[in-house]
C-alpha atoms as a PDB file:
ATOM      1  CA  UNK A   1      72.232 -59.975-134.922  1.00  0.00           C
ATOM      2  CA  UNK A   2      68.610 -60.047-133.796  1.00  0.00           C
ATOM      3  CA  UNK A   3      69.089 -63.527-132.345  1.00  0.00           C
ATOM      4  CA  UNK A   4      72.126 -62.289-130.438  1.00  0.00           C
ATOM      5  CA  UNK A   5      70.219 -59.291-129.110  1.00  0.00           C
ATOM      6  CA  UNK A   6      67.253 -61.470-128.115  1.00  0.00           C
ATOM      7  CA  UNK A   7      69.568 -63.882-126.316  1.00  0.00           C
ATOM      8  CA  UNK A   8      71.186 -60.997-124.456  1.00  0.00           C
ATOM      9  CA  UNK A   9      67.799 -59.614-123.363  1.00  0.00           C
ATOM     10  CA  UNK A  10      66.636 -63.035-122.162  1.00  0.00           C
ATOM     11  CA  UNK A  11      69.892 -63.517-120.257  1.00  0.00           C
ATOM     12  CA  UNK A  12      69.551 -60.121-118.540  1.00  0.00           C
ATOM     13  CA  UNK A  13      65.934 -60.860-117.552  1.00  0.00           C
ATOM     14  CA  UNK A  14      66.940 -64.258-116.189  1.00  0.00           C
ATOM     15  CA  UNK A  15      69.740 -62.745-114.119  1.00  0.00           C
ATOM     16  CA  UNK A  16      67.370 -60.069-112.747  1.00  0.00           C
ATOM     17  CA  UNK A  17      64.740 -62.642-111.773  1.00  0.00           C
ATOM     18  CA  UNK A  18      67.385 -64.790-110.105  1.00  0.00           C
ATOM     19  CA  UNK A  19      68.735 -61.781-108.204  1.00  0.00           C
ATOM     20  CA  UNK A  20      65.255 -60.783-107.043  1.00  0.00           C
ATOM     21  CA  UNK A  21      64.573 -64.317-105.934  1.00  0.00           C
ATOM     22  CA  UNK A  22      67.816 -64.488-103.972  1.00  0.00           C
ATOM     23  CA  UNK A  23      67.123 -61.106-102.426  1.00  0.00           C
ATOM     24  CA  UNK A  24      63.651 -62.216-101.395  1.00  0.00           C
ATOM     25  CA  UNK A  25      65.036 -65.426 -99.970  1.00  0.00           C
ATOM     26  CA  UNK A  26      67.594 -63.479 -97.932  1.00  0.00           C
ATOM     27  CA  UNK A  27      64.860 -61.145 -96.713  1.00  0.00           C
ATOM     28  CA  UNK A  28      62.770 -64.111 -95.625  1.00  0.00           C
ATOM     29  CA  UNK A  29      65.748 -65.570 -93.790  1.00  0.00           C
ATOM     30  CA  UNK A  30      66.305 -62.220 -92.111  1.00  0.00           C
ATOM     31  CA  UNK A  31      62.671 -62.064 -91.052  1.00  0.00           C
ATOM     32  CA  UNK A  32      62.883 -65.569 -89.724  1.00  0.00           C
ATOM     33  CA  UNK A  33      65.831 -64.611 -87.517  1.00  0.00           C
ATOM     34  CA  UNK A  34      63.893 -61.610 -86.261  1.00  0.00           C
ATOM     35  CA  UNK A  35      60.841 -63.739 -85.540  1.00  0.00           C
ATOM     36  CA  UNK A  36      63.030 -66.273 -83.715  1.00  0.00           C
ATOM     37  CA  UNK A  37      64.129 -63.683 -81.161  1.00  0.00           C
ATOM     38  CA  UNK A  38      62.315 -63.919 -77.850  1.00  0.00           C
ATOM     39  CA  UNK A  39      59.782 -61.142 -77.365  1.00  0.00           C
ATOM     40  CA  UNK A  40      60.179 -59.970 -73.787  1.00  0.00           C
ATOM     41  CA  UNK A  41      58.004 -57.448 -71.965  1.00  0.00           C
ATOM     42  CA  UNK A  42      59.193 -55.782 -68.773  1.00  0.00           C
ATOM     43  CA  UNK A  43      56.944 -53.684 -66.577  1.00  0.00           C
ATOM     44  CA  UNK A  44      59.329 -50.793 -65.888  1.00  0.00           C
ATOM     45  CA  UNK A  45      62.836 -49.460 -66.502  1.00  0.00           C
ATOM     46  CA  UNK A  46      65.093 -51.418 -64.077  1.00  0.00           C
ATOM     47  CA  UNK A  47      63.769 -54.730 -65.427  1.00  0.00           C
ATOM     48  CA  UNK A  48      64.079 -53.454 -69.005  1.00  0.00           C
ATOM     49  CA  UNK A  49      67.703 -52.579 -68.274  1.00  0.00           C
ATOM     50  CA  UNK A  50      68.505 -56.012 -66.842  1.00  0.00           C
ATOM     51  CA  UNK A  51      66.779 -57.874 -69.692  1.00  0.00           C
ATOM     52  CA  UNK A  52      68.823 -55.977 -72.267  1.00  0.00           C
ATOM     53  CA  UNK A  53      72.054 -56.586 -70.376  1.00  0.00           C
ATOM     54  CA  UNK A  54      71.444 -60.335 -70.226  1.00  0.00           C
ATOM     55  CA  UNK A  55      69.680 -60.889 -73.537  1.00  0.00           C
ATOM     56  CA  UNK A  56      71.260 -58.312 -75.822  1.00  0.00           C
ATOM     57  CA  UNK A  57      70.584 -58.839 -79.512  1.00  0.00           C
ATOM     58  CA  UNK A  58      68.943 -62.210 -78.904  1.00  0.00           C
ATOM     59  CA  UNK A  59      65.870 -60.518 -77.429  1.00  0.00           C
ATOM     60  CA  UNK A  60      63.243 -58.040 -78.493  1.00  0.00           C
ATOM     61  CA  UNK A  61      62.675 -56.191 -75.212  1.00  0.00           C
ATOM     62  CA  UNK A  62      59.698 -53.891 -74.674  1.00  0.00           C
ATOM     63  CA  UNK A  63      58.789 -51.565 -71.817  1.00  0.00           C
ATOM     64  CA  UNK A  64      55.214 -51.365 -70.486  1.00  0.00           C
ATOM     65  CA  UNK A  65      55.532 -48.258 -68.306  1.00  0.00           C
ATOM     66  CA  UNK A  66      57.169 -45.631 -70.526  1.00  0.00           C
ATOM     67  CA  UNK A  67      60.105 -43.635 -69.267  1.00  0.00           C
ATOM     68  CA  UNK A  68      58.906 -40.392 -67.726  1.00  0.00           C
ATOM     69  CA  UNK A  69      55.719 -41.944 -66.314  1.00  0.00           C
ATOM     70  CA  UNK A  70      55.162 -42.378 -62.572  1.00  0.00           C
ATOM     71  CA  UNK A  71      55.441 -46.101 -61.933  1.00  0.00           C
ATOM     72  CA  UNK A  72      53.148 -46.182 -58.872  1.00  0.00           C
ATOM     73  CA  UNK A  73      50.151 -44.649 -60.648  1.00  0.00           C
ATOM     74  CA  UNK A  74      50.564 -45.791 -64.272  1.00  0.00           C
ATOM     75  CA  UNK A  75      47.801 -47.881 -65.856  1.00  0.00           C
ATOM     76  CA  UNK A  76      48.531 -49.599 -69.199  1.00  0.00           C
ATOM     77  CA  UNK A  77      46.141 -48.974 -72.072  1.00  0.00           C
ATOM     78  CA  UNK A  78      44.019 -51.766 -73.611  1.00  0.00           C
ATOM     79  CA  UNK A  79      46.334 -51.609 -76.642  1.00  0.00           C
ATOM     80  CA  UNK A  80      49.378 -52.130 -74.450  1.00  0.00           C
ATOM     81  CA  UNK A  81      47.719 -55.070 -72.695  1.00  0.00           C
ATOM     82  CA  UNK A  82      46.876 -56.593 -76.080  1.00  0.00           C
ATOM     83  CA  UNK A  83      50.524 -56.235 -77.131  1.00  0.00           C
ATOM     84  CA  UNK A  84      51.557 -58.016 -73.943  1.00  0.00           C
ATOM     85  CA  UNK A  85      49.566 -61.052 -75.025  1.00  0.00           C
ATOM     86  CA  UNK A  86      51.832 -61.364 -78.089  1.00  0.00           C
ATOM     87  CA  UNK A  87      54.978 -61.724 -75.983  1.00  0.00           C
ATOM     88  CA  UNK A  88      56.855 -64.859 -74.944  1.00  0.00           C
ATOM     89  CA  UNK A  89      57.500 -63.767 -71.378  1.00  0.00           C
ATOM     90  CA  UNK A  90      56.550 -60.906 -69.058  1.00  0.00           C
ATOM     91  CA  UNK A  91      58.639 -59.772 -66.088  1.00  0.00           C
ATOM     92  CA  UNK A  92      57.172 -57.528 -63.411  1.00  0.00           C
ATOM     93  CA  UNK A  93      58.261 -56.363 -59.978  1.00  0.00           C
ATOM     94  CA  UNK A  94      55.275 -57.205 -57.779  1.00  0.00           C
ATOM     95  CA  UNK A  95      54.916 -56.182 -54.112  1.00  0.00           C
ATOM     96  CA  UNK A  96      52.211 -53.762 -55.210  1.00  0.00           C
ATOM     97  CA  UNK A  97      54.501 -51.605 -57.351  1.00  0.00           C
ATOM     98  CA  UNK A  98      52.370 -52.226 -60.443  1.00  0.00           C
ATOM     99  CA  UNK A  99      48.827 -52.878 -59.108  1.00  0.00           C
ATOM    100  CA  UNK A 100      47.762 -53.981 -62.587  1.00  0.00           C
ATOM    101  CA  UNK A 101      50.538 -56.601 -62.786  1.00  0.00           C
ATOM    102  CA  UNK A 102      48.957 -59.317 -60.658  1.00  0.00           C
ATOM    103  CA  UNK A 103      45.568 -58.643 -62.263  1.00  0.00           C
ATOM    104  CA  UNK A 104      46.684 -59.506 -65.805  1.00  0.00           C
ATOM    105  CA  UNK A 105      48.723 -62.616 -64.985  1.00  0.00           C
ATOM    106  CA  UNK A 106      45.780 -64.999 -65.366  1.00  0.00           C
ATOM    107  CA  UNK A 107      44.909 -63.630 -68.822  1.00  0.00           C
ATOM    108  CA  UNK A 108      48.523 -63.812 -69.982  1.00  0.00           C
ATOM    109  CA  UNK A 109      48.921 -67.387 -68.804  1.00  0.00           C
ATOM    110  CA  UNK A 110      45.713 -68.307 -70.647  1.00  0.00           C
ATOM    111  CA  UNK A 111      47.281 -67.244 -73.967  1.00  0.00           C
ATOM    112  CA  UNK A 112      50.606 -68.956 -73.269  1.00  0.00           C
ATOM    113  CA  UNK A 113      52.679 -66.032 -71.994  1.00  0.00           C
ATOM    114  CA  UNK A 114      55.125 -66.925 -69.210  1.00  0.00           C
ATOM    115  CA  UNK A 115      54.894 -64.466 -66.292  1.00  0.00           C
ATOM    116  CA  UNK A 116      57.615 -63.889 -63.713  1.00  0.00           C
ATOM    117  CA  UNK A 117      57.346 -61.799 -60.530  1.00  0.00           C
ATOM    118  CA  UNK A 118      60.973 -60.900 -59.862  1.00  0.00           C
ATOM    119  CA  UNK A 119      60.434 -59.785 -56.263  1.00  0.00           C
ATOM    120  CA  UNK A 120      60.050 -63.463 -55.368  1.00  0.00           C
ATOM    121  CA  UNK A 121      63.778 -63.885 -56.028  1.00  0.00           C
ATOM    122  CA  UNK A 122      64.969 -61.503 -53.290  1.00  0.00           C
ATOM    123  CA  UNK A 123      64.535 -61.066 -49.555  1.00  0.00           C
ATOM    124  CA  UNK A 124      61.890 -58.401 -48.988  1.00  0.00           C
ATOM    125  CA  UNK A 125      62.083 -55.846 -46.219  1.00  0.00           C
ATOM    126  CA  UNK A 126      59.164 -54.302 -44.394  1.00  0.00           C
ATOM    127  CA  UNK A 127      58.282 -50.683 -44.925  1.00  0.00           C
ATOM    128  CA  UNK A 128      59.104 -48.770 -41.756  1.00  0.00           C
ATOM    129  CA  UNK A 129      57.147 -45.725 -40.754  1.00  0.00           C
ATOM    130  CA  UNK A 130      59.924 -44.013 -38.755  1.00  0.00           C
ATOM    131  CA  UNK A 131      57.449 -42.735 -36.140  1.00  0.00           C
ATOM    132  CA  UNK A 132      55.340 -40.972 -38.763  1.00  0.00           C
ATOM    133  CA  UNK A 133      52.179 -41.937 -36.885  1.00  0.00           C
ATOM    134  CA  UNK A 134      51.015 -43.329 -40.206  1.00  0.00           C
ATOM    135  CA  UNK A 135      48.463 -45.659 -38.680  1.00  0.00           C
ATOM    136  CA  UNK A 136      46.164 -42.628 -38.464  1.00  0.00           C
ATOM    137  CA  UNK A 137      47.058 -41.048 -41.795  1.00  0.00           C
ATOM    138  CA  UNK A 138      46.390 -41.325 -45.512  1.00  0.00           C
ATOM    139  CA  UNK A 139      49.906 -42.685 -45.773  1.00  0.00           C
ATOM    140  CA  UNK A 140      48.870 -45.741 -43.774  1.00  0.00           C
ATOM    141  CA  UNK A 141      45.922 -46.332 -46.087  1.00  0.00           C
ATOM    142  CA  UNK A 142      48.220 -46.190 -49.087  1.00  0.00           C
ATOM    143  CA  UNK A 143      50.726 -48.496 -47.406  1.00  0.00           C
ATOM    144  CA  UNK A 144      48.065 -51.137 -46.835  1.00  0.00           C
ATOM    145  CA  UNK A 145      47.098 -50.911 -50.518  1.00  0.00           C
ATOM    146  CA  UNK A 146      50.684 -51.824 -51.399  1.00  0.00           C
ATOM    147  CA  UNK A 147      51.107 -54.392 -48.652  1.00  0.00           C
ATOM    148  CA  UNK A 148      53.561 -54.240 -45.771  1.00  0.00           C
ATOM    149  CA  UNK A 149      56.722 -54.635 -47.864  1.00  0.00           C
ATOM    150  CA  UNK A 150      58.871 -52.103 -49.673  1.00  0.00           C
ATOM    151  CA  UNK A 151      58.719 -52.717 -53.453  1.00  0.00           C
ATOM    152  CA  UNK A 152      61.890 -50.771 -54.393  1.00  0.00           C
ATOM    153  CA  UNK A 153      64.079 -53.870 -54.542  1.00  0.00           C
ATOM    154  CA  UNK A 154      66.280 -52.700 -57.450  1.00  0.00           C
ATOM    155  CA  UNK A 155      68.146 -50.066 -55.392  1.00  0.00           C
ATOM    156  CA  UNK A 156      70.320 -52.771 -53.838  1.00  0.00           C
ATOM    157  CA  UNK A 157      72.804 -53.879 -56.547  1.00  0.00           C
ATOM    158  CA  UNK A 158      72.913 -57.396 -55.105  1.00  0.00           C
ATOM    159  CA  UNK A 159      69.167 -57.695 -55.683  1.00  0.00           C
ATOM    160  CA  UNK A 160      69.794 -56.748 -59.304  1.00  0.00           C
ATOM    161  CA  UNK A 161      72.074 -59.774 -59.565  1.00  0.00           C
ATOM    162  CA  UNK A 162      69.290 -62.046 -58.336  1.00  0.00           C
ATOM    163  CA  UNK A 163      66.827 -60.487 -60.781  1.00  0.00           C
ATOM    164  CA  UNK A 164      69.347 -61.031 -63.574  1.00  0.00           C
ATOM    165  CA  UNK A 165      69.855 -64.646 -62.487  1.00  0.00           C
ATOM    166  CA  UNK A 166      66.115 -65.303 -62.770  1.00  0.00           C
ATOM    167  CA  UNK A 167      65.984 -63.702 -66.211  1.00  0.00           C
ATOM    168  CA  UNK A 168      69.012 -65.649 -67.407  1.00  0.00           C
ATOM    169  CA  UNK A 169      67.454 -68.941 -66.358  1.00  0.00           C
ATOM    170  CA  UNK A 170      64.142 -68.078 -68.014  1.00  0.00           C
ATOM    171  CA  UNK A 171      65.866 -67.082 -71.262  1.00  0.00           C
ATOM    172  CA  UNK A 172      67.842 -70.326 -71.316  1.00  0.00           C
ATOM    173  CA  UNK A 173      64.659 -72.331 -70.717  1.00  0.00           C
ATOM    174  CA  UNK A 174      63.017 -70.642 -73.708  1.00  0.00           C
ATOM    175  CA  UNK A 175      66.112 -70.397 -75.920  1.00  0.00           C
ATOM    176  CA  UNK A 176      68.635 -73.061 -74.936  1.00  0.00           C
ATOM    177  CA  UNK A 177      70.645 -72.622 -78.150  1.00  0.00           C
ATOM    178  CA  UNK A 178      72.050 -69.367 -76.722  1.00  0.00           C
ATOM    179  CA  UNK A 179      72.756 -70.709 -73.228  1.00  0.00           C
ATOM    180  CA  UNK A 180      76.442 -69.760 -73.283  1.00  0.00           C
ATOM    181  CA  UNK A 181      75.602 -66.242 -74.482  1.00  0.00           C
ATOM    182  CA  UNK A 182      73.151 -65.665 -71.632  1.00  0.00           C
ATOM    183  CA  UNK A 183      75.498 -67.178 -69.041  1.00  0.00           C
ATOM    184  CA  UNK A 184      78.411 -65.008 -70.157  1.00  0.00           C
ATOM    185  CA  UNK A 185      76.305 -61.849 -70.107  1.00  0.00           C
ATOM    186  CA  UNK A 186      75.035 -62.719 -66.648  1.00  0.00           C
ATOM    187  CA  UNK A 187      78.580 -63.214 -65.360  1.00  0.00           C
ATOM    188  CA  UNK A 188      79.611 -59.805 -66.733  1.00  0.00           C
ATOM    189  CA  UNK A 189      76.523 -58.156 -65.260  1.00  0.00           C
ATOM    190  CA  UNK A 190      77.079 -59.736 -61.848  1.00  0.00           C
ATOM    191  CA  UNK A 191      80.680 -58.500 -61.843  1.00  0.00           C
ATOM    192  CA  UNK A 192      79.498 -54.967 -62.629  1.00  0.00           C
ATOM    193  CA  UNK A 193      76.893 -54.995 -59.852  1.00  0.00           C
ATOM    194  CA  UNK A 194      79.402 -56.396 -57.348  1.00  0.00           C
ATOM    195  CA  UNK A 195      81.828 -53.628 -58.298  1.00  0.00           C
ATOM    196  CA  UNK A 196      79.085 -51.028 -57.793  1.00  0.00           C
ATOM    197  CA  UNK A 197      78.265 -52.562 -54.419  1.00  0.00           C
ATOM    198  CA  UNK A 198      81.937 -52.350 -53.373  1.00  0.00           C
ATOM    199  CA  UNK A 199      82.072 -48.686 -54.402  1.00  0.00           C
ATOM    200  CA  UNK A 200      79.062 -47.932 -52.204  1.00  0.00           C
ATOM    201  CA  UNK A 201      80.412 -49.900 -49.241  1.00  0.00           C
ATOM    202  CA  UNK A 202      83.900 -48.407 -49.458  1.00  0.00           C
ATOM    203  CA  UNK A 203      82.628 -44.842 -49.834  1.00  0.00           C
ATOM    204  CA  UNK A 204      79.940 -44.984 -47.161  1.00  0.00           C
ATOM    205  CA  UNK A 205      82.170 -46.799 -44.679  1.00  0.00           C
ATOM    206  CA  UNK A 206      83.580 -43.341 -43.954  1.00  0.00           C
ATOM    207  CA  UNK A 207      80.220 -41.639 -43.456  1.00  0.00           C
ATOM    208  CA  UNK A 208      79.906 -39.031 -40.706  1.00  0.00           C
ATOM    209  CA  UNK A 209      76.109 -39.144 -40.846  1.00  0.00           C
ATOM    210  CA  UNK A 210      73.645 -42.012 -41.340  1.00  0.00           C
ATOM    211  CA  UNK A 211      70.352 -40.171 -41.819  1.00  0.00           C
ATOM    212  CA  UNK A 212      69.079 -39.136 -45.249  1.00  0.00           C
ATOM    213  CA  UNK A 213      66.020 -36.938 -45.744  1.00  0.00           C
ATOM    214  CA  UNK A 214      64.287 -38.021 -48.962  1.00  0.00           C
ATOM    215  CA  UNK A 215      61.220 -37.115 -51.036  1.00  0.00           C
ATOM    216  CA  UNK A 216      59.556 -40.490 -50.557  1.00  0.00           C
ATOM    217  CA  UNK A 217      60.412 -43.783 -48.933  1.00  0.00           C
ATOM    218  CA  UNK A 218      61.950 -45.527 -51.917  1.00  0.00           C
ATOM    219  CA  UNK A 219      65.451 -46.049 -50.539  1.00  0.00           C
ATOM    220  CA  UNK A 220      64.819 -48.724 -47.926  1.00  0.00           C
ATOM    221  CA  UNK A 221      66.893 -51.422 -49.658  1.00  0.00           C
ATOM    222  CA  UNK A 222      69.757 -49.052 -50.348  1.00  0.00           C
ATOM    223  CA  UNK A 223      69.632 -47.813 -46.750  1.00  0.00           C
ATOM    224  CA  UNK A 224      69.533 -51.343 -45.308  1.00  0.00           C
ATOM    225  CA  UNK A 225      72.488 -52.469 -47.414  1.00  0.00           C
ATOM    226  CA  UNK A 226      74.752 -49.536 -46.554  1.00  0.00           C
ATOM    227  CA  UNK A 227      73.795 -48.726 -42.967  1.00  0.00           C
ATOM    228  CA  UNK A 228      71.647 -45.666 -43.634  1.00  0.00           C
ATOM    229  CA  UNK A 229      68.348 -44.482 -42.182  1.00  0.00           C
ATOM    230  CA  UNK A 230      65.856 -42.728 -44.445  1.00  0.00           C
ATOM    231  CA  UNK A 231      63.535 -39.997 -43.206  1.00  0.00           C
ATOM    232  CA  UNK A 232      60.819 -39.690 -45.835  1.00  0.00           C
ATOM    233  CA  UNK A 233      58.508 -36.787 -46.624  1.00  0.00           C
ATOM    234  CA  UNK A 234      56.038 -39.199 -48.264  1.00  0.00           C
ATOM    235  CA  UNK A 235      55.554 -42.947 -47.980  1.00  0.00           C
ATOM    236  CA  UNK A 236      55.717 -45.593 -50.696  1.00  0.00           C
ATOM    237  CA  UNK A 237      54.253 -43.299 -53.371  1.00  0.00           C
ATOM    238  CA  UNK A 238      55.766 -39.875 -54.151  1.00  0.00           C
ATOM    239  CA  UNK A 239      52.276 -38.462 -54.753  1.00  0.00           C
ATOM    240  CA  UNK A 240      51.274 -38.711 -51.110  1.00  0.00           C
ATOM    241  CA  UNK A 241      50.905 -35.256 -49.596  1.00  0.00           C
ATOM    242  CA  UNK A 242      52.337 -34.891 -46.074  1.00  0.00           C
ATOM    243  CA  UNK A 243      50.340 -32.979 -43.492  1.00  0.00           C
ATOM    244  CA  UNK A 244      51.585 -29.749 -41.925  1.00  0.00           C
ATOM    245  CA  UNK A 245      52.220 -31.812 -38.793  1.00  0.00           C
ATOM    246  CA  UNK A 246      54.437 -34.190 -40.784  1.00  0.00           C
ATOM    247  CA  UNK A 247      56.409 -31.283 -42.233  1.00  0.00           C
ATOM    248  CA  UNK A 248      56.891 -29.731 -38.794  1.00  0.00           C
ATOM    249  CA  UNK A 249      58.099 -33.067 -37.407  1.00  0.00           C
ATOM    250  CA  UNK A 250      60.514 -33.591 -40.308  1.00  0.00           C
ATOM    251  CA  UNK A 251      61.876 -30.078 -39.844  1.00  0.00           C
ATOM    252  CA  UNK A 252      62.528 -30.876 -36.190  1.00  0.00           C
ATOM    253  CA  UNK A 253      64.158 -34.214 -37.106  1.00  0.00           C
ATOM    254  CA  UNK A 254      66.400 -32.562 -39.678  1.00  0.00           C
ATOM    255  CA  UNK A 255      67.615 -30.103 -37.061  1.00  0.00           C
ATOM    256  CA  UNK A 256      67.913 -32.809 -34.393  1.00  0.00           C
ATOM    257  CA  UNK A 257      70.167 -34.951 -36.594  1.00  0.00           C
ATOM    258  CA  UNK A 258      72.147 -31.985 -37.887  1.00  0.00           C
ATOM    259  CA  UNK A 259      71.136 -32.585 -41.498  1.00  0.00           C
ATOM    260  CA  UNK A 260      72.411 -30.148 -44.098  1.00  0.00           C
ATOM    261  CA  UNK A 261      70.843 -31.707 -47.208  1.00  0.00           C
ATOM    262  CA  UNK A 262      67.519 -32.916 -48.519  1.00  0.00           C
ATOM    263  CA  UNK A 263      67.317 -35.319 -51.461  1.00  0.00           C
ATOM    264  CA  UNK A 264      64.841 -34.731 -54.287  1.00  0.00           C
ATOM    265  CA  UNK A 265      63.860 -37.015 -57.171  1.00  0.00           C
ATOM    266  CA  UNK A 266      63.805 -36.453 -60.906  1.00  0.00           C
ATOM    267  CA  UNK A 267      60.273 -37.677 -61.700  1.00  0.00           C
ATOM    268  CA  UNK A 268      58.432 -36.380 -58.616  1.00  0.00           C
ATOM    269  CA  UNK A 269      57.198 -32.855 -57.918  1.00  0.00           C
ATOM    270  CA  UNK A 270      59.858 -30.881 -56.006  1.00  0.00           C
ATOM    271  CA  UNK A 271      57.354 -28.537 -54.333  1.00  0.00           C
ATOM    272  CA  UNK A 272      57.089 -30.143 -50.881  1.00  0.00           C
ATOM    273  CA  UNK A 273      60.805 -30.866 -50.665  1.00  0.00           C
ATOM    274  CA  UNK A 274      61.576 -27.252 -51.553  1.00  0.00           C
ATOM    275  CA  UNK A 275      59.261 -26.021 -48.793  1.00  0.00           C
ATOM    276  CA  UNK A 276      60.977 -28.283 -46.263  1.00  0.00           C
ATOM    277  CA  UNK A 277      64.404 -27.240 -47.534  1.00  0.00           C
ATOM    278  CA  UNK A 278      63.505 -23.614 -46.914  1.00  0.00           C
ATOM    279  CA  UNK A 279      62.005 -24.286 -43.476  1.00  0.00           C
ATOM    280  CA  UNK A 280      64.986 -26.312 -42.251  1.00  0.00           C
ATOM    281  CA  UNK A 281      67.651 -24.354 -44.154  1.00  0.00           C
ATOM    282  CA  UNK A 282      68.738 -27.386 -46.198  1.00  0.00           C
ATOM    283  CA  UNK A 283      70.656 -27.644 -49.455  1.00  0.00           C
ATOM    284  CA  UNK A 284      68.964 -29.705 -52.185  1.00  0.00           C
ATOM    285  CA  UNK A 285      70.661 -32.703 -53.820  1.00  0.00           C
ATOM    286  CA  UNK A 286      69.317 -35.333 -56.223  1.00  0.00           C
ATOM    287  CA  UNK A 287      68.843 -38.957 -55.220  1.00  0.00           C
ATOM    288  CA  UNK A 288      67.240 -40.853 -58.076  1.00  0.00           C
ATOM    289  CA  UNK A 289      65.128 -43.974 -57.377  1.00  0.00           C
ATOM    290  CA  UNK A 290      65.599 -44.968 -61.061  1.00  0.00           C
ATOM    291  CA  UNK A 291      62.060 -46.233 -61.585  1.00  0.00           C
ATOM    292  CA  UNK A 292      62.242 -44.597 -65.008  1.00  0.00           C
ATOM    293  CA  UNK A 293      64.367 -42.222 -67.054  1.00  0.00           C
ATOM    294  CA  UNK A 294      63.561 -38.611 -67.866  1.00  0.00           C
ATOM    295  CA  UNK A 295      63.717 -37.404 -71.466  1.00  0.00           C
ATOM    296  CA  UNK A 296      66.950 -35.602 -70.686  1.00  0.00           C
ATOM    297  CA  UNK A 297      68.510 -38.705 -69.132  1.00  0.00           C
ATOM    298  CA  UNK A 298      67.635 -40.721 -72.238  1.00  0.00           C
ATOM    299  CA  UNK A 299      69.204 -38.090 -74.504  1.00  0.00           C
ATOM    300  CA  UNK A 300      72.356 -38.116 -72.397  1.00  0.00           C
ATOM    301  CA  UNK A 301      72.620 -41.910 -72.579  1.00  0.00           C
ATOM    302  CA  UNK A 302      72.135 -42.407 -68.847  1.00  0.00           C
ATOM    303  CA  UNK A 303      71.318 -45.859 -67.504  1.00  0.00           C
ATOM    304  CA  UNK A 304      70.976 -47.695 -64.211  1.00  0.00           C
ATOM    305  CA  UNK A 305      74.691 -47.934 -63.516  1.00  0.00           C
ATOM    306  CA  UNK A 306      75.508 -44.315 -64.385  1.00  0.00           C
ATOM    307  CA  UNK A 307      72.647 -42.986 -62.246  1.00  0.00           C
ATOM    308  CA  UNK A 308      73.586 -45.207 -59.308  1.00  0.00           C
ATOM    309  CA  UNK A 309      77.081 -43.706 -59.508  1.00  0.00           C
ATOM    310  CA  UNK A 310      75.592 -40.199 -59.486  1.00  0.00           C
ATOM    311  CA  UNK A 311      73.507 -41.194 -56.471  1.00  0.00           C
ATOM    312  CA  UNK A 312      76.693 -42.284 -54.732  1.00  0.00           C
ATOM    313  CA  UNK A 313      78.268 -38.897 -55.477  1.00  0.00           C
ATOM    314  CA  UNK A 314      75.282 -37.167 -53.858  1.00  0.00           C
ATOM    315  CA  UNK A 315      75.498 -39.427 -50.809  1.00  0.00           C
ATOM    316  CA  UNK A 316      79.233 -38.817 -50.542  1.00  0.00           C
ATOM    317  CA  UNK A 317      78.693 -35.066 -50.507  1.00  0.00           C
ATOM    318  CA  UNK A 318      75.950 -35.269 -47.869  1.00  0.00           C
ATOM    319  CA  UNK A 319      77.373 -37.969 -45.605  1.00  0.00           C
ATOM    320  CA  UNK A 320      81.133 -38.198 -46.075  1.00  0.00           C
ATOM    321  CA  UNK A 321      82.625 -34.842 -47.066  1.00  0.00           C
END
């Protein structure tokens, strides 16, 4: 009886040890899969969105500039920069959008991190002043800090395809075993962006008005693609304060072009736009440059494509209806 009981106890212990060992082995395998995923850092939301669309579950994608932060003025912390050095690849916009981006490239390359400036994959357009007399203003000084080109490349859906193409090729180079996965995701993404582009072209082909009055000059690529002309309260950065002379001129331009609407952003202060709206008797609509998501947009599950569709609805109301 005792021998039988002892045998039973030994058997139970053996089974438990075996089970624990198997469990540990499975956990190690799981960790290995996690560690095998590419660790990708993107500077701001549009690139984060594209990386997730192309890479999906094969990537661990991180965002440097948190949603809700102002992309033009954000500076990453030393901790964030240290985390960047642990990544496999870092994508950033360039063209002065993230002034810190070009500065850290050398350090990242030194520790083996691949760096990719996505603006090199698209045709850049020059920032136009629209007779703002900016050569004598603070706006001109800020423009020269950024360079002569508009950095807001992501607001043309066809540029998003080129950004996605670059990412796809980089992911395949680093992880060739999932080549078909990345290629298929890219094809789906390109189809979605082409469909979005068609929606914009078809809708705005019937526009009665080409001018849009916006908070800051972030819609150059969208305007160029769809035959629009932006009149901007501020220049490249939404934090630039226009002079009283600028506001008076914009009020006159709004009346001259028969504008009924002014477009405000979600992450920028609405104060100046509200003043201009009151002065020129304009109705306020939202036109989102999608440099980042607000807390509310995140809670509602908004993303690049859904916000671009909302932007189109705003443009339809102002220019077509």
